Amino acid sequence: IISAIALVLNVAIASAKEAAPKKNY
């Protein structure tokens, strides 16, 4: 259960980083 929760959190964090790319300005 702990491994499954950790895996879900890692995927959520990784997808959040990709969803908000840095702008160039």
PDBML (XML) file of the C-alpha atoms, coordinates in Angstrom:
<?xml version="1.0" encoding="UTF-8" ?>
<PDBx:datablock datablockName="MODEL"
   xmlns:PDBx="http://pdbml.pdb.org/schema/pdbx-v50.xsd"
   xmlns:xsi="http://www.w3.org/2001/XMLSchema-instance"
   xsi:schemaLocation="http://pdbml.pdb.org/schema/pdbx-v50.xsd pdbx-v50.xsd">
   <PDBx:atom_siteCategory>
      <PDBx:atom_site id="1">
         <PDBx:B_iso_or_equiv>0.00</PDBx:B_iso_or_equiv>
         <PDBx:Cartn_x>0.000</PDBx:Cartn_x>
         <PDBx:Cartn_y>0.000</PDBx:Cartn_y>
         <PDBx:Cartn_z>0.000</PDBx:Cartn_z>
         <PDBx:auth_asym_id>A</PDBx:auth_asym_id>
         <PDBx:auth_atom_id>CA</PDBx:auth_atom_id>
         <PDBx:auth_comp_id>ILE</PDBx:auth_comp_id>
         <PDBx:auth_seq_id>1</PDBx:auth_seq_id>
         <PDBx:group_PDB>ATOM</PDBx:group_PDB>
         <PDBx:label_alt_id xsi:nil="true" />
         <PDBx:label_asym_id>A</PDBx:label_asym_id>
         <PDBx:label_atom_id>CA</PDBx:label_atom_id>
         <PDBx:label_comp_id>ILE</PDBx:label_comp_id>
         <PDBx:label_entity_id>1</PDBx:label_entity_id>
         <PDBx:label_seq_id>1</PDBx:label_seq_id>
         <PDBx:occupancy>1.00</PDBx:occupancy>
         <PDBx:pdbx_PDB_model_num>1</PDBx:pdbx_PDB_model_num>
         <PDBx:type_symbol>C</PDBx:type_symbol>
      </PDBx:atom_site>
      <PDBx:atom_site id="2">
         <PDBx:B_iso_or_equiv>0.00</PDBx:B_iso_or_equiv>
         <PDBx:Cartn_x>2.823</PDBx:Cartn_x>
         <PDBx:Cartn_y>2.402</PDBx:Cartn_y>
         <PDBx:Cartn_z>0.886</PDBx:Cartn_z>
         <PDBx:auth_asym_id>A</PDBx:auth_asym_id>
         <PDBx:auth_atom_id>CA</PDBx:auth_atom_id>
         <PDBx:auth_comp_id>ILE</PDBx:auth_comp_id>
         <PDBx:auth_seq_id>2</PDBx:auth_seq_id>
         <PDBx:group_PDB>ATOM</PDBx:group_PDB>
         <PDBx:label_alt_id xsi:nil="true" />
         <PDBx:label_asym_id>A</PDBx:label_asym_id>
         <PDBx:label_atom_id>CA</PDBx:label_atom_id>
         <PDBx:label_comp_id>ILE</PDBx:label_comp_id>
         <PDBx:label_entity_id>1</PDBx:label_entity_id>
         <PDBx:label_seq_id>2</PDBx:label_seq_id>
         <PDBx:occupancy>1.00</PDBx:occupancy>
         <PDBx:pdbx_PDB_model_num>1</PDBx:pdbx_PDB_model_num>
         <PDBx:type_symbol>C</PDBx:type_symbol>
      </PDBx:atom_site>
      <PDBx:atom_site id="3">
         <PDBx:B_iso_or_equiv>0.00</PDBx:B_iso_or_equiv>
         <PDBx:Cartn_x>4.610</PDBx:Cartn_x>
         <PDBx:Cartn_y>1.588</PDBx:Cartn_y>
         <PDBx:Cartn_z>-2.385</PDBx:Cartn_z>
         <PDBx:auth_asym_id>A</PDBx:auth_asym_id>
         <PDBx:auth_atom_id>CA</PDBx:auth_atom_id>
         <PDBx:auth_comp_id>SER</PDBx:auth_comp_id>
         <PDBx:auth_seq_id>3</PDBx:auth_seq_id>
         <PDBx:group_PDB>ATOM</PDBx:group_PDB>
         <PDBx:label_alt_id xsi:nil="true" />
         <PDBx:label_asym_id>A</PDBx:label_asym_id>
         <PDBx:label_atom_id>CA</PDBx:label_atom_id>
         <PDBx:label_comp_id>SER</PDBx:label_comp_id>
         <PDBx:label_entity_id>1</PDBx:label_entity_id>
         <PDBx:label_seq_id>3</PDBx:label_seq_id>
         <PDBx:occupancy>1.00</PDBx:occupancy>
         <PDBx:pdbx_PDB_model_num>1</PDBx:pdbx_PDB_model_num>
         <PDBx:type_symbol>C</PDBx:type_symbol>
      </PDBx:atom_site>
      <PDBx:atom_site id="4">
         <PDBx:B_iso_or_equiv>0.00</PDBx:B_iso_or_equiv>
         <PDBx:Cartn_x>1.428</PDBx:Cartn_x>
         <PDBx:Cartn_y>2.174</PDBx:Cartn_y>
         <PDBx:Cartn_z>-4.379</PDBx:Cartn_z>
         <PDBx:auth_asym_id>A</PDBx:auth_asym_id>
         <PDBx:auth_atom_id>CA</PDBx:auth_atom_id>
         <PDBx:auth_comp_id>ALA</PDBx:auth_comp_id>
         <PDBx:auth_seq_id>4</PDBx:auth_seq_id>
         <PDBx:group_PDB>ATOM</PDBx:group_PDB>
         <PDBx:label_alt_id xsi:nil="true" />
         <PDBx:label_asym_id>A</PDBx:label_asym_id>
         <PDBx:label_atom_id>CA</PDBx:label_atom_id>
         <PDBx:label_comp_id>ALA</PDBx:label_comp_id>
         <PDBx:label_entity_id>1</PDBx:label_entity_id>
         <PDBx:label_seq_id>4</PDBx:label_seq_id>
         <PDBx:occupancy>1.00</PDBx:occupancy>
         <PDBx:pdbx_PDB_model_num>1</PDBx:pdbx_PDB_model_num>
         <PDBx:type_symbol>C</PDBx:type_symbol>
      </PDBx:atom_site>
      <PDBx:atom_site id="5">
         <PDBx:B_iso_or_equiv>0.00</PDBx:B_iso_or_equiv>
         <PDBx:Cartn_x>0.826</PDBx:Cartn_x>
         <PDBx:Cartn_y>5.538</PDBx:Cartn_y>
         <PDBx:Cartn_z>-2.666</PDBx:Cartn_z>
         <PDBx:auth_asym_id>A</PDBx:auth_asym_id>
         <PDBx:auth_atom_id>CA</PDBx:auth_atom_id>
         <PDBx:auth_comp_id>ILE</PDBx:auth_comp_id>
         <PDBx:auth_seq_id>5</PDBx:auth_seq_id>
         <PDBx:group_PDB>ATOM</PDBx:group_PDB>
         <PDBx:label_alt_id xsi:nil="true" />
         <PDBx:label_asym_id>A</PDBx:label_asym_id>
         <PDBx:label_atom_id>CA</PDBx:label_atom_id>
         <PDBx:label_comp_id>ILE</PDBx:label_comp_id>
         <PDBx:label_entity_id>1</PDBx:label_entity_id>
         <PDBx:label_seq_id>5</PDBx:label_seq_id>
         <PDBx:occupancy>1.00</PDBx:occupancy>
         <PDBx:pdbx_PDB_model_num>1</PDBx:pdbx_PDB_model_num>
         <PDBx:type_symbol>C</PDBx:type_symbol>
      </PDBx:atom_site>
      <PDBx:atom_site id="6">
         <PDBx:B_iso_or_equiv>0.00</PDBx:B_iso_or_equiv>
         <PDBx:Cartn_x>4.422</PDBx:Cartn_x>
         <PDBx:Cartn_y>6.586</PDBx:Cartn_y>
         <PDBx:Cartn_z>-3.283</PDBx:Cartn_z>
         <PDBx:auth_asym_id>A</PDBx:auth_asym_id>
         <PDBx:auth_atom_id>CA</PDBx:auth_atom_id>
         <PDBx:auth_comp_id>ALA</PDBx:auth_comp_id>
         <PDBx:auth_seq_id>6</PDBx:auth_seq_id>
         <PDBx:group_PDB>ATOM</PDBx:group_PDB>
         <PDBx:label_alt_id xsi:nil="true" />
         <PDBx:label_asym_id>A</PDBx:label_asym_id>
         <PDBx:label_atom_id>CA</PDBx:label_atom_id>
         <PDBx:label_comp_id>ALA</PDBx:label_comp_id>
         <PDBx:label_entity_id>1</PDBx:label_entity_id>
         <PDBx:label_seq_id>6</PDBx:label_seq_id>
         <PDBx:occupancy>1.00</PDBx:occupancy>
         <PDBx:pdbx_PDB_model_num>1</PDBx:pdbx_PDB_model_num>
         <PDBx:type_symbol>C</PDBx:type_symbol>
      </PDBx:atom_site>
      <PDBx:atom_site id="7">
         <PDBx:B_iso_or_equiv>0.00</PDBx:B_iso_or_equiv>
         <PDBx:Cartn_x>4.123</PDBx:Cartn_x>
         <PDBx:Cartn_y>5.626</PDBx:Cartn_y>
         <PDBx:Cartn_z>-6.961</PDBx:Cartn_z>
         <PDBx:auth_asym_id>A</PDBx:auth_asym_id>
         <PDBx:auth_atom_id>CA</PDBx:auth_atom_id>
         <PDBx:auth_comp_id>LEU</PDBx:auth_comp_id>
         <PDBx:auth_seq_id>7</PDBx:auth_seq_id>
         <PDBx:group_PDB>ATOM</PDBx:group_PDB>
         <PDBx:label_alt_id xsi:nil="true" />
         <PDBx:label_asym_id>A</PDBx:label_asym_id>
         <PDBx:label_atom_id>CA</PDBx:label_atom_id>
         <PDBx:label_comp_id>LEU</PDBx:label_comp_id>
         <PDBx:label_entity_id>1</PDBx:label_entity_id>
         <PDBx:label_seq_id>7</PDBx:label_seq_id>
         <PDBx:occupancy>1.00</PDBx:occupancy>
         <PDBx:pdbx_PDB_model_num>1</PDBx:pdbx_PDB_model_num>
         <PDBx:type_symbol>C</PDBx:type_symbol>
      </PDBx:atom_site>
      <PDBx:atom_site id="8">
         <PDBx:B_iso_or_equiv>0.00</PDBx:B_iso_or_equiv>
         <PDBx:Cartn_x>0.906</PDBx:Cartn_x>
         <PDBx:Cartn_y>7.622</PDBx:Cartn_y>
         <PDBx:Cartn_z>-7.379</PDBx:Cartn_z>
         <PDBx:auth_asym_id>A</PDBx:auth_asym_id>
         <PDBx:auth_atom_id>CA</PDBx:auth_atom_id>
         <PDBx:auth_comp_id>VAL</PDBx:auth_comp_id>
         <PDBx:auth_seq_id>8</PDBx:auth_seq_id>
         <PDBx:group_PDB>ATOM</PDBx:group_PDB>
         <PDBx:label_alt_id xsi:nil="true" />
         <PDBx:label_asym_id>A</PDBx:label_asym_id>
         <PDBx:label_atom_id>CA</PDBx:label_atom_id>
         <PDBx:label_comp_id>VAL</PDBx:label_comp_id>
         <PDBx:label_entity_id>1</PDBx:label_entity_id>
         <PDBx:label_seq_id>8</PDBx:label_seq_id>
         <PDBx:occupancy>1.00</PDBx:occupancy>
         <PDBx:pdbx_PDB_model_num>1</PDBx:pdbx_PDB_model_num>
         <PDBx:type_symbol>C</PDBx:type_symbol>
      </PDBx:atom_site>
      <PDBx:atom_site id="9">
         <PDBx:B_iso_or_equiv>0.00</PDBx:B_iso_or_equiv>
         <PDBx:Cartn_x>2.437</PDBx:Cartn_x>
         <PDBx:Cartn_y>10.686</PDBx:Cartn_y>
         <PDBx:Cartn_z>-5.690</PDBx:Cartn_z>
         <PDBx:auth_asym_id>A</PDBx:auth_asym_id>
         <PDBx:auth_atom_id>CA</PDBx:auth_atom_id>
         <PDBx:auth_comp_id>LEU</PDBx:auth_comp_id>
         <PDBx:auth_seq_id>9</PDBx:auth_seq_id>
         <PDBx:group_PDB>ATOM</PDBx:group_PDB>
         <PDBx:label_alt_id xsi:nil="true" />
         <PDBx:label_asym_id>A</PDBx:label_asym_id>
         <PDBx:label_atom_id>CA</PDBx:label_atom_id>
         <PDBx:label_comp_id>LEU</PDBx:label_comp_id>
         <PDBx:label_entity_id>1</PDBx:label_entity_id>
         <PDBx:label_seq_id>9</PDBx:label_seq_id>
         <PDBx:occupancy>1.00</PDBx:occupancy>
         <PDBx:pdbx_PDB_model_num>1</PDBx:pdbx_PDB_model_num>
         <PDBx:type_symbol>C</PDBx:type_symbol>
      </PDBx:atom_site>
      <PDBx:atom_site id="10">
         <PDBx:B_iso_or_equiv>0.00</PDBx:B_iso_or_equiv>
         <PDBx:Cartn_x>5.556</PDBx:Cartn_x>
         <PDBx:Cartn_y>10.502</PDBx:Cartn_y>
         <PDBx:Cartn_z>-7.879</PDBx:Cartn_z>
         <PDBx:auth_asym_id>A</PDBx:auth_asym_id>
         <PDBx:auth_atom_id>CA</PDBx:auth_atom_id>
         <PDBx:auth_comp_id>ASN</PDBx:auth_comp_id>
         <PDBx:auth_seq_id>10</PDBx:auth_seq_id>
         <PDBx:group_PDB>ATOM</PDBx:group_PDB>
         <PDBx:label_alt_id xsi:nil="true" />
         <PDBx:label_asym_id>A</PDBx:label_asym_id>
         <PDBx:label_atom_id>CA</PDBx:label_atom_id>
         <PDBx:label_comp_id>ASN</PDBx:label_comp_id>
         <PDBx:label_entity_id>1</PDBx:label_entity_id>
         <PDBx:label_seq_id>10</PDBx:label_seq_id>
         <PDBx:occupancy>1.00</PDBx:occupancy>
         <PDBx:pdbx_PDB_model_num>1</PDBx:pdbx_PDB_model_num>
         <PDBx:type_symbol>C</PDBx:type_symbol>
      </PDBx:atom_site>
      <PDBx:atom_site id="11">
         <PDBx:B_iso_or_equiv>0.00</PDBx:B_iso_or_equiv>
         <PDBx:Cartn_x>3.460</PDBx:Cartn_x>
         <PDBx:Cartn_y>10.326</PDBx:Cartn_y>
         <PDBx:Cartn_z>-11.040</PDBx:Cartn_z>
         <PDBx:auth_asym_id>A</PDBx:auth_asym_id>
         <PDBx:auth_atom_id>CA</PDBx:auth_atom_id>
         <PDBx:auth_comp_id>VAL</PDBx:auth_comp_id>
         <PDBx:auth_seq_id>11</PDBx:auth_seq_id>
         <PDBx:group_PDB>ATOM</PDBx:group_PDB>
         <PDBx:label_alt_id xsi:nil="true" />
         <PDBx:label_asym_id>A</PDBx:label_asym_id>
         <PDBx:label_atom_id>CA</PDBx:label_atom_id>
         <PDBx:label_comp_id>VAL</PDBx:label_comp_id>
         <PDBx:label_entity_id>1</PDBx:label_entity_id>
         <PDBx:label_seq_id>11</PDBx:label_seq_id>
         <PDBx:occupancy>1.00</PDBx:occupancy>
         <PDBx:pdbx_PDB_model_num>1</PDBx:pdbx_PDB_model_num>
         <PDBx:type_symbol>C</PDBx:type_symbol>
      </PDBx:atom_site>
      <PDBx:atom_site id="12">
         <PDBx:B_iso_or_equiv>0.00</PDBx:B_iso_or_equiv>
         <PDBx:Cartn_x>1.282</PDBx:Cartn_x>
         <PDBx:Cartn_y>13.234</PDBx:Cartn_y>
         <PDBx:Cartn_z>-9.855</PDBx:Cartn_z>
         <PDBx:auth_asym_id>A</PDBx:auth_asym_id>
         <PDBx:auth_atom_id>CA</PDBx:auth_atom_id>
         <PDBx:auth_comp_id>ALA</PDBx:auth_comp_id>
         <PDBx:auth_seq_id>12</PDBx:auth_seq_id>
         <PDBx:group_PDB>ATOM</PDBx:group_PDB>
         <PDBx:label_alt_id xsi:nil="true" />
         <PDBx:label_asym_id>A</PDBx:label_asym_id>
         <PDBx:label_atom_id>CA</PDBx:label_atom_id>
         <PDBx:label_comp_id>ALA</PDBx:label_comp_id>
         <PDBx:label_entity_id>1</PDBx:label_entity_id>
         <PDBx:label_seq_id>12</PDBx:label_seq_id>
         <PDBx:occupancy>1.00</PDBx:occupancy>
         <PDBx:pdbx_PDB_model_num>1</PDBx:pdbx_PDB_model_num>
         <PDBx:type_symbol>C</PDBx:type_symbol>
      </PDBx:atom_site>
      <PDBx:atom_site id="13">
         <PDBx:B_iso_or_equiv>0.00</PDBx:B_iso_or_equiv>
         <PDBx:Cartn_x>4.323</PDBx:Cartn_x>
         <PDBx:Cartn_y>15.386</PDBx:Cartn_y>
         <PDBx:Cartn_z>-9.071</PDBx:Cartn_z>
         <PDBx:auth_asym_id>A</PDBx:auth_asym_id>
         <PDBx:auth_atom_id>CA</PDBx:auth_atom_id>
         <PDBx:auth_comp_id>ILE</PDBx:auth_comp_id>
         <PDBx:auth_seq_id>13</PDBx:auth_seq_id>
         <PDBx:group_PDB>ATOM</PDBx:group_PDB>
         <PDBx:label_alt_id xsi:nil="true" />
         <PDBx:label_asym_id>A</PDBx:label_asym_id>
         <PDBx:label_atom_id>CA</PDBx:label_atom_id>
         <PDBx:label_comp_id>ILE</PDBx:label_comp_id>
         <PDBx:label_entity_id>1</PDBx:label_entity_id>
         <PDBx:label_seq_id>13</PDBx:label_seq_id>
         <PDBx:occupancy>1.00</PDBx:occupancy>
         <PDBx:pdbx_PDB_model_num>1</PDBx:pdbx_PDB_model_num>
         <PDBx:type_symbol>C</PDBx:type_symbol>
      </PDBx:atom_site>
      <PDBx:atom_site id="14">
         <PDBx:B_iso_or_equiv>0.00</PDBx:B_iso_or_equiv>
         <PDBx:Cartn_x>6.019</PDBx:Cartn_x>
         <PDBx:Cartn_y>14.552</PDBx:Cartn_y>
         <PDBx:Cartn_z>-12.389</PDBx:Cartn_z>
         <PDBx:auth_asym_id>A</PDBx:auth_asym_id>
         <PDBx:auth_atom_id>CA</PDBx:auth_atom_id>
         <PDBx:auth_comp_id>ALA</PDBx:auth_comp_id>
         <PDBx:auth_seq_id>14</PDBx:auth_seq_id>
         <PDBx:group_PDB>ATOM</PDBx:group_PDB>
         <PDBx:label_alt_id xsi:nil="true" />
         <PDBx:label_asym_id>A</PDBx:label_asym_id>
         <PDBx:label_atom_id>CA</PDBx:label_atom_id>
         <PDBx:label_comp_id>ALA</PDBx:label_comp_id>
         <PDBx:label_entity_id>1</PDBx:label_entity_id>
         <PDBx:label_seq_id>14</PDBx:label_seq_id>
         <PDBx:occupancy>1.00</PDBx:occupancy>
         <PDBx:pdbx_PDB_model_num>1</PDBx:pdbx_PDB_model_num>
         <PDBx:type_symbol>C</PDBx:type_symbol>
      </PDBx:atom_site>
      <PDBx:atom_site id="15">
         <PDBx:B_iso_or_equiv>0.00</PDBx:B_iso_or_equiv>
         <PDBx:Cartn_x>2.899</PDBx:Cartn_x>
         <PDBx:Cartn_y>15.383</PDBx:Cartn_y>
         <PDBx:Cartn_z>-14.388</PDBx:Cartn_z>
         <PDBx:auth_asym_id>A</PDBx:auth_asym_id>
         <PDBx:auth_atom_id>CA</PDBx:auth_atom_id>
         <PDBx:auth_comp_id>SER</PDBx:auth_comp_id>
         <PDBx:auth_seq_id>15</PDBx:auth_seq_id>
         <PDBx:group_PDB>ATOM</PDBx:group_PDB>
         <PDBx:label_alt_id xsi:nil="true" />
         <PDBx:label_asym_id>A</PDBx:label_asym_id>
         <PDBx:label_atom_id>CA</PDBx:label_atom_id>
         <PDBx:label_comp_id>SER</PDBx:label_comp_id>
         <PDBx:label_entity_id>1</PDBx:label_entity_id>
         <PDBx:label_seq_id>15</PDBx:label_seq_id>
         <PDBx:occupancy>1.00</PDBx:occupancy>
         <PDBx:pdbx_PDB_model_num>1</PDBx:pdbx_PDB_model_num>
         <PDBx:type_symbol>C</PDBx:type_symbol>
      </PDBx:atom_site>
      <PDBx:atom_site id="16">
         <PDBx:B_iso_or_equiv>0.00</PDBx:B_iso_or_equiv>
         <PDBx:Cartn_x>2.425</PDBx:Cartn_x>
         <PDBx:Cartn_y>18.660</PDBx:Cartn_y>
         <PDBx:Cartn_z>-12.482</PDBx:Cartn_z>
         <PDBx:auth_asym_id>A</PDBx:auth_asym_id>
         <PDBx:auth_atom_id>CA</PDBx:auth_atom_id>
         <PDBx:auth_comp_id>ALA</PDBx:auth_comp_id>
         <PDBx:auth_seq_id>16</PDBx:auth_seq_id>
         <PDBx:group_PDB>ATOM</PDBx:group_PDB>
         <PDBx:label_alt_id xsi:nil="true" />
         <PDBx:label_asym_id>A</PDBx:label_asym_id>
         <PDBx:label_atom_id>CA</PDBx:label_atom_id>
         <PDBx:label_comp_id>ALA</PDBx:label_comp_id>
         <PDBx:label_entity_id>1</PDBx:label_entity_id>
         <PDBx:label_seq_id>16</PDBx:label_seq_id>
         <PDBx:occupancy>1.00</PDBx:occupancy>
         <PDBx:pdbx_PDB_model_num>1</PDBx:pdbx_PDB_model_num>
         <PDBx:type_symbol>C</PDBx:type_symbol>
      </PDBx:atom_site>
      <PDBx:atom_site id="17">
         <PDBx:B_iso_or_equiv>0.00</PDBx:B_iso_or_equiv>
         <PDBx:Cartn_x>5.932</PDBx:Cartn_x>
         <PDBx:Cartn_y>19.753</PDBx:Cartn_y>
         <PDBx:Cartn_z>-13.463</PDBx:Cartn_z>
         <PDBx:auth_asym_id>A</PDBx:auth_asym_id>
         <PDBx:auth_atom_id>CA</PDBx:auth_atom_id>
         <PDBx:auth_comp_id>LYS</PDBx:auth_comp_id>
         <PDBx:auth_seq_id>17</PDBx:auth_seq_id>
         <PDBx:group_PDB>ATOM</PDBx:group_PDB>
         <PDBx:label_alt_id xsi:nil="true" />
         <PDBx:label_asym_id>A</PDBx:label_asym_id>
         <PDBx:label_atom_id>CA</PDBx:label_atom_id>
         <PDBx:label_comp_id>LYS</PDBx:label_comp_id>
         <PDBx:label_entity_id>1</PDBx:label_entity_id>
         <PDBx:label_seq_id>17</PDBx:label_seq_id>
         <PDBx:occupancy>1.00</PDBx:occupancy>
         <PDBx:pdbx_PDB_model_num>1</PDBx:pdbx_PDB_model_num>
         <PDBx:type_symbol>C</PDBx:type_symbol>
      </PDBx:atom_site>
      <PDBx:atom_site id="18">
         <PDBx:B_iso_or_equiv>0.00</PDBx:B_iso_or_equiv>
         <PDBx:Cartn_x>5.247</PDBx:Cartn_x>
         <PDBx:Cartn_y>19.018</PDBx:Cartn_y>
         <PDBx:Cartn_z>-17.126</PDBx:Cartn_z>
         <PDBx:auth_asym_id>A</PDBx:auth_asym_id>
         <PDBx:auth_atom_id>CA</PDBx:auth_atom_id>
         <PDBx:auth_comp_id>GLU</PDBx:auth_comp_id>
         <PDBx:auth_seq_id>18</PDBx:auth_seq_id>
         <PDBx:group_PDB>ATOM</PDBx:group_PDB>
         <PDBx:label_alt_id xsi:nil="true" />
         <PDBx:label_asym_id>A</PDBx:label_asym_id>
         <PDBx:label_atom_id>CA</PDBx:label_atom_id>
         <PDBx:label_comp_id>GLU</PDBx:label_comp_id>
         <PDBx:label_entity_id>1</PDBx:label_entity_id>
         <PDBx:label_seq_id>18</PDBx:label_seq_id>
         <PDBx:occupancy>1.00</PDBx:occupancy>
         <PDBx:pdbx_PDB_model_num>1</PDBx:pdbx_PDB_model_num>
         <PDBx:type_symbol>C</PDBx:type_symbol>
      </PDBx:atom_site>
      <PDBx:atom_site id="19">
         <PDBx:B_iso_or_equiv>0.00</PDBx:B_iso_or_equiv>
         <PDBx:Cartn_x>1.872</PDBx:Cartn_x>
         <PDBx:Cartn_y>20.767</PDBx:Cartn_y>
         <PDBx:Cartn_z>-17.052</PDBx:Cartn_z>
         <PDBx:auth_asym_id>A</PDBx:auth_asym_id>
         <PDBx:auth_atom_id>CA</PDBx:auth_atom_id>
         <PDBx:auth_comp_id>ALA</PDBx:auth_comp_id>
         <PDBx:auth_seq_id>19</PDBx:auth_seq_id>
         <PDBx:group_PDB>ATOM</PDBx:group_PDB>
         <PDBx:label_alt_id xsi:nil="true" />
         <PDBx:label_asym_id>A</PDBx:label_asym_id>
         <PDBx:label_atom_id>CA</PDBx:label_atom_id>
         <PDBx:label_comp_id>ALA</PDBx:label_comp_id>
         <PDBx:label_entity_id>1</PDBx:label_entity_id>
         <PDBx:label_seq_id>19</PDBx:label_seq_id>
         <PDBx:occupancy>1.00</PDBx:occupancy>
         <PDBx:pdbx_PDB_model_num>1</PDBx:pdbx_PDB_model_num>
         <PDBx:type_symbol>C</PDBx:type_symbol>
      </PDBx:atom_site>
      <PDBx:atom_site id="20">
         <PDBx:B_iso_or_equiv>0.00</PDBx:B_iso_or_equiv>
         <PDBx:Cartn_x>3.385</PDBx:Cartn_x>
         <PDBx:Cartn_y>24.152</PDBx:Cartn_y>
         <PDBx:Cartn_z>-16.121</PDBx:Cartn_z>
         <PDBx:auth_asym_id>A</PDBx:auth_asym_id>
         <PDBx:auth_atom_id>CA</PDBx:auth_atom_id>
         <PDBx:auth_comp_id>ALA</PDBx:auth_comp_id>
         <PDBx:auth_seq_id>20</PDBx:auth_seq_id>
         <PDBx:group_PDB>ATOM</PDBx:group_PDB>
         <PDBx:label_alt_id xsi:nil="true" />
         <PDBx:label_asym_id>A</PDBx:label_asym_id>
         <PDBx:label_atom_id>CA</PDBx:label_atom_id>
         <PDBx:label_comp_id>ALA</PDBx:label_comp_id>
         <PDBx:label_entity_id>1</PDBx:label_entity_id>
         <PDBx:label_seq_id>20</PDBx:label_seq_id>
         <PDBx:occupancy>1.00</PDBx:occupancy>
         <PDBx:pdbx_PDB_model_num>1</PDBx:pdbx_PDB_model_num>
         <PDBx:type_symbol>C</PDBx:type_symbol>
      </PDBx:atom_site>
      <PDBx:atom_site id="21">
         <PDBx:B_iso_or_equiv>0.00</PDBx:B_iso_or_equiv>
         <PDBx:Cartn_x>6.350</PDBx:Cartn_x>
         <PDBx:Cartn_y>24.785</PDBx:Cartn_y>
         <PDBx:Cartn_z>-18.441</PDBx:Cartn_z>
         <PDBx:auth_asym_id>A</PDBx:auth_asym_id>
         <PDBx:auth_atom_id>CA</PDBx:auth_atom_id>
         <PDBx:auth_comp_id>PRO</PDBx:auth_comp_id>
         <PDBx:auth_seq_id>21</PDBx:auth_seq_id>
         <PDBx:group_PDB>ATOM</PDBx:group_PDB>
         <PDBx:label_alt_id xsi:nil="true" />
         <PDBx:label_asym_id>A</PDBx:label_asym_id>
         <PDBx:label_atom_id>CA</PDBx:label_atom_id>
         <PDBx:label_comp_id>PRO</PDBx:label_comp_id>
         <PDBx:label_entity_id>1</PDBx:label_entity_id>
         <PDBx:label_seq_id>21</PDBx:label_seq_id>
         <PDBx:occupancy>1.00</PDBx:occupancy>
         <PDBx:pdbx_PDB_model_num>1</PDBx:pdbx_PDB_model_num>
         <PDBx:type_symbol>C</PDBx:type_symbol>
      </PDBx:atom_site>
      <PDBx:atom_site id="22">
         <PDBx:B_iso_or_equiv>0.00</PDBx:B_iso_or_equiv>
         <PDBx:Cartn_x>8.454</PDBx:Cartn_x>
         <PDBx:Cartn_y>27.885</PDBx:Cartn_y>
         <PDBx:Cartn_z>-17.896</PDBx:Cartn_z>
         <PDBx:auth_asym_id>A</PDBx:auth_asym_id>
         <PDBx:auth_atom_id>CA</PDBx:auth_atom_id>
         <PDBx:auth_comp_id>LYS</PDBx:auth_comp_id>
         <PDBx:auth_seq_id>22</PDBx:auth_seq_id>
         <PDBx:group_PDB>ATOM</PDBx:group_PDB>
         <PDBx:label_alt_id xsi:nil="true" />
         <PDBx:label_asym_id>A</PDBx:label_asym_id>
         <PDBx:label_atom_id>CA</PDBx:label_atom_id>
         <PDBx:label_comp_id>LYS</PDBx:label_comp_id>
         <PDBx:label_entity_id>1</PDBx:label_entity_id>
         <PDBx:label_seq_id>22</PDBx:label_seq_id>
         <PDBx:occupancy>1.00</PDBx:occupancy>
         <PDBx:pdbx_PDB_model_num>1</PDBx:pdbx_PDB_model_num>
         <PDBx:type_symbol>C</PDBx:type_symbol>
      </PDBx:atom_site>
      <PDBx:atom_site id="23">
         <PDBx:B_iso_or_equiv>0.00</PDBx:B_iso_or_equiv>
         <PDBx:Cartn_x>7.688</PDBx:Cartn_x>
         <PDBx:Cartn_y>30.795</PDBx:Cartn_y>
         <PDBx:Cartn_z>-20.182</PDBx:Cartn_z>
         <PDBx:auth_asym_id>A</PDBx:auth_asym_id>
         <PDBx:auth_atom_id>CA</PDBx:auth_atom_id>
         <PDBx:auth_comp_id>LYS</PDBx:auth_comp_id>
         <PDBx:auth_seq_id>23</PDBx:auth_seq_id>
         <PDBx:group_PDB>ATOM</PDBx:group_PDB>
         <PDBx:label_alt_id xsi:nil="true" />
         <PDBx:label_asym_id>A</PDBx:label_asym_id>
         <PDBx:label_atom_id>CA</PDBx:label_atom_id>
         <PDBx:label_comp_id>LYS</PDBx:label_comp_id>
         <PDBx:label_entity_id>1</PDBx:label_entity_id>
         <PDBx:label_seq_id>23</PDBx:label_seq_id>
         <PDBx:occupancy>1.00</PDBx:occupancy>
         <PDBx:pdbx_PDB_model_num>1</PDBx:pdbx_PDB_model_num>
         <PDBx:type_symbol>C</PDBx:type_symbol>
      </PDBx:atom_site>
      <PDBx:atom_site id="24">
         <PDBx:B_iso_or_equiv>0.00</PDBx:B_iso_or_equiv>
         <PDBx:Cartn_x>10.417</PDBx:Cartn_x>
         <PDBx:Cartn_y>32.376</PDBx:Cartn_y>
         <PDBx:Cartn_z>-22.253</PDBx:Cartn_z>
         <PDBx:auth_asym_id>A</PDBx:auth_asym_id>
         <PDBx:auth_atom_id>CA</PDBx:auth_atom_id>
         <PDBx:auth_comp_id>ASN</PDBx:auth_comp_id>
         <PDBx:auth_seq_id>24</PDBx:auth_seq_id>
         <PDBx:group_PDB>ATOM</PDBx:group_PDB>
         <PDBx:label_alt_id xsi:nil="true" />
         <PDBx:label_asym_id>A</PDBx:label_asym_id>
         <PDBx:label_atom_id>CA</PDBx:label_atom_id>
         <PDBx:label_comp_id>ASN</PDBx:label_comp_id>
         <PDBx:label_entity_id>1</PDBx:label_entity_id>
         <PDBx:label_seq_id>24</PDBx:label_seq_id>
         <PDBx:occupancy>1.00</PDBx:occupancy>
         <PDBx:pdbx_PDB_model_num>1</PDBx:pdbx_PDB_model_num>
         <PDBx:type_symbol>C</PDBx:type_symbol>
      </PDBx:atom_site>
      <PDBx:atom_site id="25">
         <PDBx:B_iso_or_equiv>0.00</PDBx:B_iso_or_equiv>
         <PDBx:Cartn_x>9.491</PDBx:Cartn_x>
         <PDBx:Cartn_y>36.080</PDBx:Cartn_y>
         <PDBx:Cartn_z>-21.809</PDBx:Cartn_z>
         <PDBx:auth_asym_id>A</PDBx:auth_asym_id>
         <PDBx:auth_atom_id>CA</PDBx:auth_atom_id>
         <PDBx:auth_comp_id>TYR</PDBx:auth_comp_id>
         <PDBx:auth_seq_id>25</PDBx:auth_seq_id>
         <PDBx:group_PDB>ATOM</PDBx:group_PDB>
         <PDBx:label_alt_id xsi:nil="true" />
         <PDBx:label_asym_id>A</PDBx:label_asym_id>
         <PDBx:label_atom_id>CA</PDBx:label_atom_id>
         <PDBx:label_comp_id>TYR</PDBx:label_comp_id>
         <PDBx:label_entity_id>1</PDBx:label_entity_id>
         <PDBx:label_seq_id>25</PDBx:label_seq_id>
         <PDBx:occupancy>1.00</PDBx:occupancy>
         <PDBx:pdbx_PDB_model_num>1</PDBx:pdbx_PDB_model_num>
         <PDBx:type_symbol>C</PDBx:type_symbol>
      </PDBx:atom_site>
   </PDBx:atom_siteCategory>
</PDBx:datablock>
